[in-house]
Amino acid sequence: FEEKKISIKEVTTFKPGAAVELEIDYRNIKEAALQVYEVDLLKLYLREKNLADIAKIDLAGIDPAAEVKVPLGDGKDFADKTKTATLELKEEGAYLVICRGDDLFTSGLVLITPLKLEIQEDPAGAVRVNIRDTTADGGYVPEVLVKVVGTANDVFMSGHTDLRGVFEADGINGTATVLAKAGERQYAFYRGTANLGTPPPQA
């Protein structure tokens, strides 16, 4: 009953102009303190390879784009609860959110983007990416940088969407992660759940 925990989603996406409301899941925590930093999603993910330890990134000397404190209760909920924090973020981009509750830390990414990924995964290890602009006419977007990697791959498959807004990657092993970037501030992210390709041999 007295266990403490706090978490936010790995990635939460919002359309430009929409209210940025981040859900905090918690138990027996009095207050959540949020610090929000604008980041380059591709550079961050390429460096970390995953987002599991993203809260441990050294951000010393970098000023947050926003800071919010969210009262959660008296710290004696004895049950799992959820509360919504409103972040005053207007600009398109990728934002790293570090959330502290008492002595616990969690983290996640907020994406404000018009880009939407439509993913088709082939069990043989192929991933087809279609990228649509949700704020314009809903059409597909060419010349978007795309990077695809599987959990059992050592390198990213990279390229740009063609005139149909399509990019295809082969040789993906494990569960796929897809990253996309258009211009300087537009990002999109996808995390698959199906195992693709050939599993690594057992030791």
C-alpha atoms as a PDB file:
ATOM      1  CA  PHE A   1       0.000   0.000   0.000  1.00  0.00           C
ATOM      2  CA  GLU A   2       2.808   2.434   0.794  1.00  0.00           C
ATOM      3  CA  GLU A   3       4.807   1.838  -2.393  1.00  0.00           C
ATOM      4  CA  LYS A   4       5.779   5.049  -4.216  1.00  0.00           C
ATOM      5  CA  LYS A   5       5.888   5.289  -7.983  1.00  0.00           C
ATOM      6  CA  ILE A   6       5.575   7.843 -10.748  1.00  0.00           C
ATOM      7  CA  SER A   7       5.689   7.577 -14.538  1.00  0.00           C
ATOM      8  CA  ILE A   8       4.850   9.324 -17.805  1.00  0.00           C
ATOM      9  CA  LYS A   9       4.528   7.852 -21.300  1.00  0.00           C
ATOM     10  CA  GLU A  10       7.699   7.324 -23.317  1.00  0.00           C
ATOM     11  CA  VAL A  11       6.389   9.508 -26.156  1.00  0.00           C
ATOM     12  CA  THR A  12       3.263  11.689 -26.334  1.00  0.00           C
ATOM     13  CA  THR A  13       2.376  13.447 -29.595  1.00  0.00           C
ATOM     14  CA  PHE A  14       0.258  16.583 -30.135  1.00  0.00           C
ATOM     15  CA  LYS A  15      -0.771  18.476 -33.245  1.00  0.00           C
ATOM     16  CA  PRO A  16       0.432  22.097 -33.519  1.00  0.00           C
ATOM     17  CA  GLY A  17      -2.014  24.422 -31.793  1.00  0.00           C
ATOM     18  CA  ALA A  18      -3.477  21.724 -29.553  1.00  0.00           C
ATOM     19  CA  ALA A  19      -3.291  21.945 -25.763  1.00  0.00           C
ATOM     20  CA  VAL A  20      -0.280  20.011 -24.474  1.00  0.00           C
ATOM     21  CA  GLU A  21      -1.637  17.946 -21.596  1.00  0.00           C
ATOM     22  CA  LEU A  22       0.668  15.292 -20.183  1.00  0.00           C
ATOM     23  CA  GLU A  23      -0.695  12.456 -18.046  1.00  0.00           C
ATOM     24  CA  ILE A  24       1.229  11.556 -14.883  1.00  0.00           C
ATOM     25  CA  ASP A  25       0.620   8.134 -13.342  1.00  0.00           C
ATOM     26  CA  TYR A  26       1.545   8.032  -9.661  1.00  0.00           C
ATOM     27  CA  ARG A  27       1.044   6.433  -6.287  1.00  0.00           C
ATOM     28  CA  ASN A  28       1.753   7.971  -2.857  1.00  0.00           C
ATOM     29  CA  ILE A  29       3.525  11.042  -4.307  1.00  0.00           C
ATOM     30  CA  LYS A  30       2.765  14.543  -3.015  1.00  0.00           C
ATOM     31  CA  GLU A  31       4.034  16.643  -5.924  1.00  0.00           C
ATOM     32  CA  ALA A  32       5.451  16.241  -9.430  1.00  0.00           C
ATOM     33  CA  ALA A  33       8.091  18.708 -10.589  1.00  0.00           C
ATOM     34  CA  LEU A  34       8.471  18.842 -14.374  1.00  0.00           C
ATOM     35  CA  GLN A  35      11.365  20.324 -16.326  1.00  0.00           C
ATOM     36  CA  VAL A  36      11.010  20.539 -20.106  1.00  0.00           C
ATOM     37  CA  TYR A  37      13.973  20.788 -22.504  1.00  0.00           C
ATOM     38  CA  GLU A  38      13.874  21.222 -26.273  1.00  0.00           C
ATOM     39  CA  VAL A  39      15.998  18.534 -27.963  1.00  0.00           C
ATOM     40  CA  ASP A  40      17.021  17.224 -31.364  1.00  0.00           C
ATOM     41  CA  LEU A  41      15.223  13.880 -31.325  1.00  0.00           C
ATOM     42  CA  LEU A  42      17.439  12.211 -33.937  1.00  0.00           C
ATOM     43  CA  LYS A  43      20.693  13.189 -32.254  1.00  0.00           C
ATOM     44  CA  LEU A  44      19.331  12.194 -28.852  1.00  0.00           C
ATOM     45  CA  TYR A  45      18.116   8.789 -29.980  1.00  0.00           C
ATOM     46  CA  LEU A  46      21.196   8.037 -32.081  1.00  0.00           C
ATOM     47  CA  ARG A  47      23.347   8.733 -29.039  1.00  0.00           C
ATOM     48  CA  GLU A  48      21.241   6.813 -26.519  1.00  0.00           C
ATOM     49  CA  LYS A  49      19.944   4.052 -28.895  1.00  0.00           C
ATOM     50  CA  ASN A  50      16.850   3.840 -26.685  1.00  0.00           C
ATOM     51  CA  LEU A  51      14.972   6.033 -24.246  1.00  0.00           C
ATOM     52  CA  ALA A  52      15.187   3.768 -21.200  1.00  0.00           C
ATOM     53  CA  ASP A  53      17.807   5.847 -19.355  1.00  0.00           C
ATOM     54  CA  ILE A  54      16.922   9.204 -20.808  1.00  0.00           C
ATOM     55  CA  ALA A  55      16.348  10.720 -17.347  1.00  0.00           C
ATOM     56  CA  LYS A  56      20.053  10.202 -16.618  1.00  0.00           C
ATOM     57  CA  ILE A  57      21.217  12.493 -19.425  1.00  0.00           C
ATOM     58  CA  ASP A  58      23.430  15.306 -18.145  1.00  0.00           C
ATOM     59  CA  LEU A  59      21.522  18.547 -18.777  1.00  0.00           C
ATOM     60  CA  ALA A  60      23.714  20.733 -16.551  1.00  0.00           C
ATOM     61  CA  GLY A  61      23.988  24.275 -17.876  1.00  0.00           C
ATOM     62  CA  ILE A  62      20.948  23.952 -20.168  1.00  0.00           C
ATOM     63  CA  ASP A  63      17.971  26.138 -19.305  1.00  0.00           C
ATOM     64  CA  PRO A  64      14.593  24.381 -19.447  1.00  0.00           C
ATOM     65  CA  ALA A  65      11.978  25.666 -21.885  1.00  0.00           C
ATOM     66  CA  ALA A  66       9.348  25.282 -19.153  1.00  0.00           C
ATOM     67  CA  GLU A  67       9.042  24.260 -15.507  1.00  0.00           C
ATOM     68  CA  VAL A  68       5.828  23.110 -13.844  1.00  0.00           C
ATOM     69  CA  LYS A  69       4.951  21.871 -10.369  1.00  0.00           C
ATOM     70  CA  VAL A  70       1.831  19.725 -10.082  1.00  0.00           C
ATOM     71  CA  PRO A  71       0.281  18.989  -6.651  1.00  0.00           C
ATOM     72  CA  LEU A  72      -0.753  15.329  -6.498  1.00  0.00           C
ATOM     73  CA  GLY A  73      -2.155  14.969  -2.981  1.00  0.00           C
ATOM     74  CA  ASP A  74      -0.964  14.242   0.529  1.00  0.00           C
ATOM     75  CA  GLY A  75       1.307  11.365  -0.490  1.00  0.00           C
ATOM     76  CA  LYS A  76      -1.008   8.775   1.057  1.00  0.00           C
ATOM     77  CA  ASP A  77      -3.186   7.655  -1.813  1.00  0.00           C
ATOM     78  CA  PHE A  78      -2.641   3.897  -1.308  1.00  0.00           C
ATOM     79  CA  ALA A  79      -3.854   3.480  -4.907  1.00  0.00           C
ATOM     80  CA  ASP A  80      -2.699   4.135  -8.463  1.00  0.00           C
ATOM     81  CA  LYS A  81      -3.874   7.521  -9.719  1.00  0.00           C
ATOM     82  CA  THR A  82      -3.490   9.746 -12.784  1.00  0.00           C
ATOM     83  CA  LYS A  83      -3.281  13.528 -13.055  1.00  0.00           C
ATOM     84  CA  THR A  84      -2.898  15.795 -16.074  1.00  0.00           C
ATOM     85  CA  ALA A  85      -0.228  18.495 -16.281  1.00  0.00           C
ATOM     86  CA  THR A  86      -0.659  21.334 -18.788  1.00  0.00           C
ATOM     87  CA  LEU A  87       2.585  22.409 -20.475  1.00  0.00           C
ATOM     88  CA  GLU A  88       2.807  25.862 -22.033  1.00  0.00           C
ATOM     89  CA  LEU A  89       4.466  24.704 -25.256  1.00  0.00           C
ATOM     90  CA  LYS A  90       3.467  26.328 -28.538  1.00  0.00           C
ATOM     91  CA  GLU A  91       6.347  25.745 -30.953  1.00  0.00           C
ATOM     92  CA  GLU A  92       6.701  22.622 -33.044  1.00  0.00           C
ATOM     93  CA  GLY A  93       9.535  20.398 -31.922  1.00  0.00           C
ATOM     94  CA  ALA A  94      10.683  17.592 -29.637  1.00  0.00           C
ATOM     95  CA  TYR A  95      10.783  18.176 -25.891  1.00  0.00           C
ATOM     96  CA  LEU A  96      12.385  16.027 -23.216  1.00  0.00           C
ATOM     97  CA  VAL A  97      10.365  16.040 -19.987  1.00  0.00           C
ATOM     98  CA  ILE A  98      12.129  15.149 -16.740  1.00  0.00           C
ATOM     99  CA  CYS A  99       9.626  14.448 -13.974  1.00  0.00           C
ATOM    100  CA  ARG A 100      10.590  14.232 -10.296  1.00  0.00           C
ATOM    101  CA  GLY A 101       8.257  12.949  -7.608  1.00  0.00           C
ATOM    102  CA  ASP A 102       9.792  12.945  -4.125  1.00  0.00           C
ATOM    103  CA  ASP A 103      13.049  11.016  -4.682  1.00  0.00           C
ATOM    104  CA  LEU A 104      11.851   9.219  -7.835  1.00  0.00           C
ATOM    105  CA  PHE A 105      12.579  10.278 -11.415  1.00  0.00           C
ATOM    106  CA  THR A 106      10.909   9.434 -14.710  1.00  0.00           C
ATOM    107  CA  SER A 107      11.074  10.921 -18.191  1.00  0.00           C
ATOM    108  CA  GLY A 108       9.402  11.029 -21.574  1.00  0.00           C
ATOM    109  CA  LEU A 109       9.233  12.911 -24.837  1.00  0.00           C
ATOM    110  CA  VAL A 110       6.589  15.353 -26.035  1.00  0.00           C
ATOM    111  CA  LEU A 111       6.354  15.864 -29.795  1.00  0.00           C
ATOM    112  CA  ILE A 112       4.460  18.807 -31.260  1.00  0.00           C
ATOM    113  CA  THR A 113       4.266  17.921 -34.921  1.00  0.00           C
ATOM    114  CA  PRO A 114       1.994  17.807 -37.973  1.00  0.00           C
ATOM    115  CA  LEU A 115       3.684  14.602 -39.138  1.00  0.00           C
ATOM    116  CA  LYS A 116       1.887  11.278 -38.839  1.00  0.00           C
ATOM    117  CA  LEU A 117       3.548   7.928 -39.480  1.00  0.00           C
ATOM    118  CA  GLU A 118       1.681   5.089 -41.152  1.00  0.00           C
ATOM    119  CA  ILE A 119       3.709   1.902 -40.724  1.00  0.00           C
ATOM    120  CA  GLN A 120       3.480  -1.474 -42.437  1.00  0.00           C
ATOM    121  CA  GLU A 121       5.691  -4.211 -41.010  1.00  0.00           C
ATOM    122  CA  ASP A 122       6.596  -7.428 -42.839  1.00  0.00           C
ATOM    123  CA  PRO A 123       7.485 -10.380 -40.601  1.00  0.00           C
ATOM    124  CA  ALA A 124      10.431 -11.071 -42.936  1.00  0.00           C
ATOM    125  CA  GLY A 125      12.071  -7.826 -41.761  1.00  0.00           C
ATOM    126  CA  ALA A 126      10.810  -5.079 -44.075  1.00  0.00           C
ATOM    127  CA  VAL A 127       9.307  -1.841 -42.762  1.00  0.00           C
ATOM    128  CA  ARG A 128       7.349   0.525 -45.035  1.00  0.00           C
ATOM    129  CA  VAL A 129       6.904   4.080 -43.760  1.00  0.00           C
ATOM    130  CA  ASN A 130       4.310   6.518 -45.115  1.00  0.00           C
ATOM    131  CA  ILE A 131       4.448  10.069 -43.764  1.00  0.00           C
ATOM    132  CA  ARG A 132       1.389  12.301 -43.875  1.00  0.00           C
ATOM    133  CA  ASP A 133       0.995  16.007 -43.030  1.00  0.00           C
ATOM    134  CA  THR A 134      -2.085  16.260 -40.800  1.00  0.00           C
ATOM    135  CA  THR A 135      -2.319  20.077 -40.868  1.00  0.00           C
ATOM    136  CA  ALA A 136      -2.302  20.687 -44.619  1.00  0.00           C
ATOM    137  CA  ASP A 137      -4.379  18.718 -47.097  1.00  0.00           C
ATOM    138  CA  GLY A 138      -3.538  15.439 -45.433  1.00  0.00           C
ATOM    139  CA  GLY A 139      -1.201  14.539 -48.264  1.00  0.00           C
ATOM    140  CA  TYR A 140       1.984  12.526 -48.040  1.00  0.00           C
ATOM    141  CA  VAL A 141       5.276  14.352 -47.514  1.00  0.00           C
ATOM    142  CA  PRO A 142       8.375  13.785 -49.696  1.00  0.00           C
ATOM    143  CA  GLU A 143      12.003  14.371 -48.713  1.00  0.00           C
ATOM    144  CA  VAL A 144      11.526  13.542 -45.013  1.00  0.00           C
ATOM    145  CA  LEU A 145      14.593  12.016 -43.352  1.00  0.00           C
ATOM    146  CA  VAL A 146      13.732   8.579 -41.921  1.00  0.00           C
ATOM    147  CA  LYS A 147      15.790   6.258 -39.742  1.00  0.00           C
ATOM    148  CA  VAL A 148      14.694   2.706 -38.904  1.00  0.00           C
ATOM    149  CA  VAL A 149      16.386   0.263 -36.525  1.00  0.00           C
ATOM    150  CA  GLY A 150      15.496  -3.064 -34.965  1.00  0.00           C
ATOM    151  CA  THR A 151      16.362  -4.066 -31.439  1.00  0.00           C
ATOM    152  CA  ALA A 152      18.697  -6.731 -32.872  1.00  0.00           C
ATOM    153  CA  ASN A 153      20.319  -4.376 -35.419  1.00  0.00           C
ATOM    154  CA  ASP A 154      23.598  -2.565 -34.842  1.00  0.00           C
ATOM    155  CA  VAL A 155      23.017   0.250 -37.330  1.00  0.00           C
ATOM    156  CA  PHE A 156      20.117   2.406 -38.495  1.00  0.00           C
ATOM    157  CA  MET A 157      18.685   2.115 -42.000  1.00  0.00           C
ATOM    158  CA  SER A 158      18.432   5.685 -43.295  1.00  0.00           C
ATOM    159  CA  GLY A 159      16.943   7.482 -46.262  1.00  0.00           C
ATOM    160  CA  HIS A 160      14.346  10.016 -47.414  1.00  0.00           C
ATOM    161  CA  THR A 161      10.721   9.574 -48.394  1.00  0.00           C
ATOM    162  CA  ASP A 162      10.086   9.588 -52.139  1.00  0.00           C
ATOM    163  CA  LEU A 163       7.529  11.699 -54.008  1.00  0.00           C
ATOM    164  CA  ARG A 164       4.796   9.422 -52.627  1.00  0.00           C
ATOM    165  CA  GLY A 165       5.923  10.109 -49.052  1.00  0.00           C
ATOM    166  CA  VAL A 166       7.234   6.531 -48.768  1.00  0.00           C
ATOM    167  CA  PHE A 167      10.446   5.058 -47.359  1.00  0.00           C
ATOM    168  CA  GLU A 168      11.169   1.332 -47.151  1.00  0.00           C
ATOM    169  CA  ALA A 169      13.786  -0.368 -44.981  1.00  0.00           C
ATOM    170  CA  ASP A 170      14.854  -4.009 -45.243  1.00  0.00           C
ATOM    171  CA  GLY A 171      16.863  -6.222 -42.925  1.00  0.00           C
ATOM    172  CA  ILE A 172      15.145  -5.103 -39.733  1.00  0.00           C
ATOM    173  CA  ASN A 173      15.552  -7.639 -36.933  1.00  0.00           C
ATOM    174  CA  GLY A 174      13.661  -7.462 -33.643  1.00  0.00           C
ATOM    175  CA  THR A 175      11.073  -4.821 -32.822  1.00  0.00           C
ATOM    176  CA  ALA A 176      11.320  -1.726 -35.013  1.00  0.00           C
ATOM    177  CA  THR A 177      11.801   1.896 -34.037  1.00  0.00           C
ATOM    178  CA  VAL A 178      11.144   4.575 -36.671  1.00  0.00           C
ATOM    179  CA  LEU A 179      12.326   8.187 -36.403  1.00  0.00           C
ATOM    180  CA  ALA A 180      11.501  10.927 -38.890  1.00  0.00           C
ATOM    181  CA  LYS A 181      12.545  14.555 -39.243  1.00  0.00           C
ATOM    182  CA  ALA A 182      11.318  17.238 -41.666  1.00  0.00           C
ATOM    183  CA  GLY A 183      12.900  20.676 -41.666  1.00  0.00           C
ATOM    184  CA  GLU A 184      14.385  21.862 -38.398  1.00  0.00           C
ATOM    185  CA  ARG A 185      11.583  21.174 -35.901  1.00  0.00           C
ATOM    186  CA  GLN A 186       9.167  18.540 -37.195  1.00  0.00           C
ATOM    187  CA  TYR A 187       9.608  15.006 -35.809  1.00  0.00           C
ATOM    188  CA  ALA A 188       7.704  11.744 -35.673  1.00  0.00           C
ATOM    189  CA  PHE A 189       8.310   8.539 -33.710  1.00  0.00           C
ATOM    190  CA  TYR A 190       7.048   4.962 -33.854  1.00  0.00           C
ATOM    191  CA  ARG A 191       7.819   1.945 -31.677  1.00  0.00           C
ATOM    192  CA  GLY A 192       6.751  -1.468 -32.976  1.00  0.00           C
ATOM    193  CA  THR A 193       5.786  -4.475 -30.881  1.00  0.00           C
ATOM    194  CA  ALA A 194       6.110  -7.350 -33.399  1.00  0.00           C
ATOM    195  CA  ASN A 195       9.380  -9.264 -33.771  1.00  0.00           C
ATOM    196  CA  LEU A 196      10.619  -8.984 -37.344  1.00  0.00           C
ATOM    197  CA  GLY A 197      13.322 -10.676 -39.381  1.00  0.00           C
ATOM    198  CA  THR A 198      15.686 -13.350 -38.200  1.00  0.00           C
ATOM    199  CA  PRO A 199      16.242 -13.634 -34.448  1.00  0.00           C
ATOM    200  CA  PRO A 200      19.884 -13.602 -33.322  1.00  0.00           C
ATOM    201  CA  PRO A 201      21.413 -17.067 -32.818  1.00  0.00           C
ATOM    202  CA  GLN A 202      21.453 -18.435 -29.294  1.00  0.00           C
ATOM    203  CA  ALA A 203      24.813 -18.336 -27.593  1.00  0.00           C
END
